[in-house]
Amino acid sequence: MPDLELRQKIEQQLAQLPPDQLPLVSEFLDSLQNKGSMSRPLRRLPPLNEAGKQQILGNNLNPKN
């Protein structure tokens, strides 16, 4: 669907929405804009070694019976 048709459809849908749902639409649009502005990539972490796993899990990797 071309951009112009999509914008017209959205405008019609907004016009028909009850006022109590408008804040939801606004928050959704804000989240889309914020998602697009995240230009910094996520940092990649190295995998945990056995000592790190044991520290996090509290030595429960190899429980002794």
PDB file of N, CA and C in Angstrom:
ATOM      1  N   MET A   1       0.858  -1.169   0.000  1.00  0.00           N
ATOM      2  CA  MET A   1       0.000   0.000   0.000  1.00  0.00           C
ATOM      3  C   MET A   1       0.911   1.241   0.000  1.00  0.00           C
ATOM      4  N   PRO A   2       0.673   2.181  -0.856  1.00  0.00           N
ATOM      5  CA  PRO A   2       1.502   3.394  -0.909  1.00  0.00           C
ATOM      6  C   PRO A   2       1.390   4.215   0.380  1.00  0.00           C
ATOM      7  N   ASP A   3       2.425   5.011   0.643  1.00  0.00           N
ATOM      8  CA  ASP A   3       2.470   5.819   1.858  1.00  0.00           C
ATOM      9  C   ASP A   3       1.241   6.714   2.028  1.00  0.00           C
ATOM     10  N   LEU A   4       0.828   7.345   0.941  1.00  0.00           N
ATOM     11  CA  LEU A   4      -0.315   8.253   1.028  1.00  0.00           C
ATOM     12  C   LEU A   4      -1.570   7.510   1.484  1.00  0.00           C
ATOM     13  N   GLU A   5      -1.810   6.331   0.928  1.00  0.00           N
ATOM     14  CA  GLU A   5      -2.984   5.546   1.332  1.00  0.00           C
ATOM     15  C   GLU A   5      -2.878   5.109   2.788  1.00  0.00           C
ATOM     16  N   LEU A   6      -1.685   4.716   3.202  1.00  0.00           N
ATOM     17  CA  LEU A   6      -1.502   4.314   4.604  1.00  0.00           C
ATOM     18  C   LEU A   6      -1.781   5.475   5.554  1.00  0.00           C
ATOM     19  N   ARG A   7      -1.277   6.656   5.202  1.00  0.00           N
ATOM     20  CA  ARG A   7      -1.503   7.825   6.060  1.00  0.00           C
ATOM     21  C   ARG A   7      -2.999   8.170   6.131  1.00  0.00           C
ATOM     22  N   GLN A   8      -3.697   8.065   5.012  1.00  0.00           N
ATOM     23  CA  GLN A   8      -5.140   8.344   5.005  1.00  0.00           C
ATOM     24  C   GLN A   8      -5.885   7.326   5.853  1.00  0.00           C
ATOM     25  N   LYS A   9      -5.499   6.066   5.739  1.00  0.00           N
ATOM     26  CA  LYS A   9      -6.135   5.011   6.537  1.00  0.00           C
ATOM     27  C   LYS A   9      -5.926   5.272   8.027  1.00  0.00           C
ATOM     28  N   ILE A  10      -4.689   5.637   8.398  1.00  0.00           N
ATOM     29  CA  ILE A  10      -4.378   5.910   9.803  1.00  0.00           C
ATOM     30  C   ILE A  10      -5.175   7.108  10.304  1.00  0.00           C
ATOM     31  N   GLU A  11      -5.270   8.148   9.497  1.00  0.00           N
ATOM     32  CA  GLU A  11      -6.057   9.324   9.891  1.00  0.00           C
ATOM     33  C   GLU A  11      -7.517   8.956  10.119  1.00  0.00           C
ATOM     34  N   GLN A  12      -8.076   8.120   9.251  1.00  0.00           N
ATOM     35  CA  GLN A  12      -9.476   7.684   9.418  1.00  0.00           C
ATOM     36  C   GLN A  12      -9.637   6.867  10.698  1.00  0.00           C
ATOM     37  N   GLN A  13      -8.676   5.978  10.948  1.00  0.00           N
ATOM     38  CA  GLN A  13      -8.749   5.159  12.155  1.00  0.00           C
ATOM     39  C   GLN A  13      -8.639   6.022  13.414  1.00  0.00           C
ATOM     40  N   LEU A  14      -7.752   7.008  13.384  1.00  0.00           N
ATOM     41  CA  LEU A  14      -7.613   7.909  14.532  1.00  0.00           C
ATOM     42  C   LEU A  14      -8.890   8.701  14.784  1.00  0.00           C
ATOM     43  N   ALA A  15      -9.517   9.124  13.719  1.00  0.00           N
ATOM     44  CA  ALA A  15     -10.751   9.902  13.856  1.00  0.00           C
ATOM     45  C   ALA A  15     -11.869   9.079  14.500  1.00  0.00           C
ATOM     46  N   GLN A  16     -11.821   7.769  14.334  1.00  0.00           N
ATOM     47  CA  GLN A  16     -12.877   6.903  14.863  1.00  0.00           C
ATOM     48  C   GLN A  16     -12.565   6.343  16.255  1.00  0.00           C
ATOM     49  N   LEU A  17     -11.349   6.543  16.722  1.00  0.00           N
ATOM     50  CA  LEU A  17     -10.974   6.013  18.029  1.00  0.00           C
ATOM     51  C   LEU A  17     -11.650   6.776  19.159  1.00  0.00           C
ATOM     52  N   PRO A  18     -12.047   6.071  20.210  1.00  0.00           N
ATOM     53  CA  PRO A  18     -12.562   6.769  21.389  1.00  0.00           C
ATOM     54  C   PRO A  18     -11.419   7.535  22.070  1.00  0.00           C
ATOM     55  N   PRO A  19     -11.721   8.653  22.691  1.00  0.00           N
ATOM     56  CA  PRO A  19     -10.683   9.494  23.310  1.00  0.00           C
ATOM     57  C   PRO A  19      -9.815   8.757  24.332  1.00  0.00           C
ATOM     58  N   ASP A  20     -10.361   7.767  25.023  1.00  0.00           N
ATOM     59  CA  ASP A  20      -9.574   7.071  26.037  1.00  0.00           C
ATOM     60  C   ASP A  20      -8.485   6.180  25.439  1.00  0.00           C
ATOM     61  N   GLN A  21      -8.555   5.897  24.127  1.00  0.00           N
ATOM     62  CA  GLN A  21      -7.532   5.078  23.479  1.00  0.00           C
ATOM     63  C   GLN A  21      -6.436   5.912  22.811  1.00  0.00           C
ATOM     64  N   LEU A  22      -6.643   7.202  22.705  1.00  0.00           N
ATOM     65  CA  LEU A  22      -5.636   8.064  22.081  1.00  0.00           C
ATOM     66  C   LEU A  22      -4.294   8.053  22.817  1.00  0.00           C
ATOM     67  N   PRO A  23      -4.269   8.036  24.148  1.00  0.00           N
ATOM     68  CA  PRO A  23      -2.960   7.950  24.821  1.00  0.00           C
ATOM     69  C   PRO A  23      -2.192   6.675  24.459  1.00  0.00           C
ATOM     70  N   LEU A  24      -2.913   5.577  24.257  1.00  0.00           N
ATOM     71  CA  LEU A  24      -2.249   4.332  23.864  1.00  0.00           C
ATOM     72  C   LEU A  24      -1.583   4.468  22.502  1.00  0.00           C
ATOM     73  N   VAL A  25      -2.290   5.096  21.581  1.00  0.00           N
ATOM     74  CA  VAL A  25      -1.746   5.305  20.240  1.00  0.00           C
ATOM     75  C   VAL A  25      -0.525   6.220  20.315  1.00  0.00           C
ATOM     76  N   SER A  26      -0.626   7.248  21.120  1.00  0.00           N
ATOM     77  CA  SER A  26       0.485   8.181  21.267  1.00  0.00           C
ATOM     78  C   SER A  26       1.723   7.485  21.835  1.00  0.00           C
ATOM     79  N   GLU A  27       1.539   6.663  22.859  1.00  0.00           N
ATOM     80  CA  GLU A  27       2.655   5.921  23.447  1.00  0.00           C
ATOM     81  C   GLU A  27       3.265   4.957  22.428  1.00  0.00           C
ATOM     82  N   PHE A  28       2.405   4.308  21.643  1.00  0.00           N
ATOM     83  CA  PHE A  28       2.894   3.386  20.627  1.00  0.00           C
ATOM     84  C   PHE A  28       3.744   4.123  19.595  1.00  0.00           C
ATOM     85  N   LEU A  29       3.263   5.263  19.128  1.00  0.00           N
ATOM     86  CA  LEU A  29       4.024   6.038  18.152  1.00  0.00           C
ATOM     87  C   LEU A  29       5.340   6.532  18.743  1.00  0.00           C
ATOM     88  N   ASP A  30       5.307   6.938  20.011  1.00  0.00           N
ATOM     89  CA  ASP A  30       6.548   7.338  20.687  1.00  0.00           C
ATOM     90  C   ASP A  30       7.549   6.183  20.702  1.00  0.00           C
ATOM     91  N   SER A  31       7.056   4.984  21.003  1.00  0.00           N
ATOM     92  CA  SER A  31       7.957   3.829  21.068  1.00  0.00           C
ATOM     93  C   SER A  31       8.553   3.526  19.696  1.00  0.00           C
ATOM     94  N   LEU A  32       7.775   3.703  18.632  1.00  0.00           N
ATOM     95  CA  LEU A  32       8.308   3.489  17.285  1.00  0.00           C
ATOM     96  C   LEU A  32       9.390   4.505  16.961  1.00  0.00           C
ATOM     97  N   GLN A  33       9.160   5.751  17.337  1.00  0.00           N
ATOM     98  CA  GLN A  33      10.155   6.788  17.070  1.00  0.00           C
ATOM     99  C   GLN A  33      11.421   6.547  17.877  1.00  0.00           C
ATOM    100  N   ASN A  34      11.273   6.134  19.121  1.00  0.00           N
ATOM    101  CA  ASN A  34      12.438   5.864  19.965  1.00  0.00           C
ATOM    102  C   ASN A  34      13.216   4.664  19.449  1.00  0.00           C
ATOM    103  N   LYS A  35      12.502   3.662  18.954  1.00  0.00           N
ATOM    104  CA  LYS A  35      13.158   2.476  18.424  1.00  0.00           C
ATOM    105  C   LYS A  35      14.008   2.842  17.211  1.00  0.00           C
ATOM    106  N   GLY A  36      13.518   3.738  16.372  1.00  0.00           N
ATOM    107  CA  GLY A  36      14.252   4.151  15.190  1.00  0.00           C
ATOM    108  C   GLY A  36      15.444   5.022  15.510  1.00  0.00           C
ATOM    109  N   SER A  37      15.429   5.675  16.672  1.00  0.00           N
ATOM    110  CA  SER A  37      16.522   6.576  17.018  1.00  0.00           C
ATOM    111  C   SER A  37      17.640   5.867  17.772  1.00  0.00           C
ATOM    112  N   MET A  38      17.481   4.604  18.055  1.00  0.00           N
ATOM    113  CA  MET A  38      18.532   3.857  18.745  1.00  0.00           C
ATOM    114  C   MET A  38      19.621   3.503  17.736  1.00  0.00           C
ATOM    115  N   SER A  39      20.628   4.346  17.667  1.00  0.00           N
ATOM    116  CA  SER A  39      21.669   4.132  16.667  1.00  0.00           C
ATOM    117  C   SER A  39      22.859   3.369  17.231  1.00  0.00           C
ATOM    118  N   ARG A  40      22.978   3.313  18.549  1.00  0.00           N
ATOM    119  CA  ARG A  40      24.111   2.618  19.150  1.00  0.00           C
ATOM    120  C   ARG A  40      23.822   1.124  19.229  1.00  0.00           C
ATOM    121  N   PRO A  41      24.658   0.287  18.645  1.00  0.00           N
ATOM    122  CA  PRO A  41      24.405  -1.162  18.686  1.00  0.00           C
ATOM    123  C   PRO A  41      24.629  -1.711  20.096  1.00  0.00           C
ATOM    124  N   LEU A  42      24.018  -2.837  20.368  1.00  0.00           N
ATOM    125  CA  LEU A  42      24.197  -3.483  21.660  1.00  0.00           C
ATOM    126  C   LEU A  42      25.605  -4.040  21.768  1.00  0.00           C
ATOM    127  N   ARG A  43      26.125  -4.028  22.970  1.00  0.00           N
ATOM    128  CA  ARG A  43      27.477  -4.528  23.204  1.00  0.00           C
ATOM    129  C   ARG A  43      27.438  -6.043  23.343  1.00  0.00           C
ATOM    130  N   ARG A  44      28.348  -6.719  22.719  1.00  0.00           N
ATOM    131  CA  ARG A  44      28.426  -8.178  22.787  1.00  0.00           C
ATOM    132  C   ARG A  44      29.340  -8.575  23.949  1.00  0.00           C
ATOM    133  N   LEU A  45      28.849  -9.448  24.826  1.00  0.00           N
ATOM    134  CA  LEU A  45      29.607  -9.876  25.988  1.00  0.00           C
ATOM    135  C   LEU A  45      30.241 -11.239  25.717  1.00  0.00           C
ATOM    136  N   PRO A  46      31.416 -11.481  26.287  1.00  0.00           N
ATOM    137  CA  PRO A  46      32.048 -12.793  26.107  1.00  0.00           C
ATOM    138  C   PRO A  46      31.277 -13.854  26.894  1.00  0.00           C
ATOM    139  N   PRO A  47      31.380 -15.108  26.477  1.00  0.00           N
ATOM    140  CA  PRO A  47      30.682 -16.179  27.212  1.00  0.00           C
ATOM    141  C   PRO A  47      31.290 -16.377  28.594  1.00  0.00           C
ATOM    142  N   LEU A  48      30.480 -16.898  29.508  1.00  0.00           N
ATOM    143  CA  LEU A  48      30.947 -17.164  30.866  1.00  0.00           C
ATOM    144  C   LEU A  48      31.838 -18.402  30.895  1.00  0.00           C
ATOM    145  N   ASN A  49      32.863 -18.367  31.731  1.00  0.00           N
ATOM    146  CA  ASN A  49      33.657 -19.573  31.952  1.00  0.00           C
ATOM    147  C   ASN A  49      33.034 -20.332  33.123  1.00  0.00           C
ATOM    148  N   GLU A  50      33.576 -21.493  33.459  1.00  0.00           N
ATOM    149  CA  GLU A  50      33.003 -22.321  34.535  1.00  0.00           C
ATOM    150  C   GLU A  50      32.987 -21.591  35.870  1.00  0.00           C
ATOM    151  N   ALA A  51      34.042 -20.857  36.177  1.00  0.00           N
ATOM    152  CA  ALA A  51      34.109 -20.139  37.454  1.00  0.00           C
ATOM    153  C   ALA A  51      33.011 -19.078  37.524  1.00  0.00           C
ATOM    154  N   GLY A  52      32.796 -18.384  36.423  1.00  0.00           N
ATOM    155  CA  GLY A  52      31.748 -17.369  36.381  1.00  0.00           C
ATOM    156  C   GLY A  52      30.366 -17.976  36.533  1.00  0.00           C
ATOM    157  N   LYS A  53      30.152 -19.116  35.901  1.00  0.00           N
ATOM    158  CA  LYS A  53      28.855 -19.802  36.017  1.00  0.00           C
ATOM    159  C   LYS A  53      28.596 -20.226  37.460  1.00  0.00           C
ATOM    160  N   GLN A  54      29.637 -20.778  38.098  1.00  0.00           N
ATOM    161  CA  GLN A  54      29.480 -21.237  39.483  1.00  0.00           C
ATOM    162  C   GLN A  54      29.208 -20.068  40.417  1.00  0.00           C
ATOM    163  N   GLN A  55      29.854 -18.948  40.164  1.00  0.00           N
ATOM    164  CA  GLN A  55      29.641 -17.773  41.004  1.00  0.00           C
ATOM    165  C   GLN A  55      28.210 -17.275  40.874  1.00  0.00           C
ATOM    166  N   ILE A  56      27.687 -17.239  39.650  1.00  0.00           N
ATOM    167  CA  ILE A  56      26.324 -16.754  39.417  1.00  0.00           C
ATOM    168  C   ILE A  56      25.292 -17.723  39.974  1.00  0.00           C
ATOM    169  N   LEU A  57      25.505 -19.007  39.741  1.00  0.00           N
ATOM    170  CA  LEU A  57      24.516 -20.006  40.147  1.00  0.00           C
ATOM    171  C   LEU A  57      24.713 -20.515  41.577  1.00  0.00           C
ATOM    172  N   GLY A  58      25.704 -19.998  42.252  1.00  0.00           N
ATOM    173  CA  GLY A  58      25.912 -20.395  43.648  1.00  0.00           C
ATOM    174  C   GLY A  58      26.405 -21.820  43.805  1.00  0.00           C
ATOM    175  N   ASN A  59      27.301 -22.243  42.941  1.00  0.00           N
ATOM    176  CA  ASN A  59      27.899 -23.596  43.003  1.00  0.00           C
ATOM    177  C   ASN A  59      26.863 -24.704  42.876  1.00  0.00           C
ATOM    178  N   ASN A  60      25.753 -24.449  42.204  1.00  0.00           N
ATOM    179  CA  ASN A  60      24.719 -25.464  42.010  1.00  0.00           C
ATOM    180  C   ASN A  60      24.850 -26.194  40.682  1.00  0.00           C
ATOM    181  N   LEU A  61      25.944 -25.967  39.968  1.00  0.00           N
ATOM    182  CA  LEU A  61      26.125 -26.660  38.693  1.00  0.00           C
ATOM    183  C   LEU A  61      26.377 -28.149  38.911  1.00  0.00           C
ATOM    184  N   ASN A  62      27.190 -28.478  39.874  1.00  0.00           N
ATOM    185  CA  ASN A  62      27.522 -29.882  40.180  1.00  0.00           C
ATOM    186  C   ASN A  62      27.189 -30.163  41.646  1.00  0.00           C
ATOM    187  N   PRO A  63      25.886 -30.262  41.959  1.00  0.00           N
ATOM    188  CA  PRO A  63      25.529 -30.463  43.369  1.00  0.00           C
ATOM    189  C   PRO A  63      26.047 -31.812  43.870  1.00  0.00           C
ATOM    190  N   LYS A  64      26.551 -31.806  45.100  1.00  0.00           N
ATOM    191  CA  LYS A  64      27.044 -33.041  45.727  1.00  0.00           C
ATOM    192  C   LYS A  64      25.940 -33.623  46.581  1.00  0.00           C
ATOM    193  N   ASN A  65      25.675 -34.923  46.414  1.00  0.00           N
ATOM    194  CA  ASN A  65      24.616 -35.581  47.197  1.00  0.00           C
ATOM    195  C   ASN A  65      25.173 -36.176  48.454  1.00  0.00           C
TER     196      ASN A  65
END
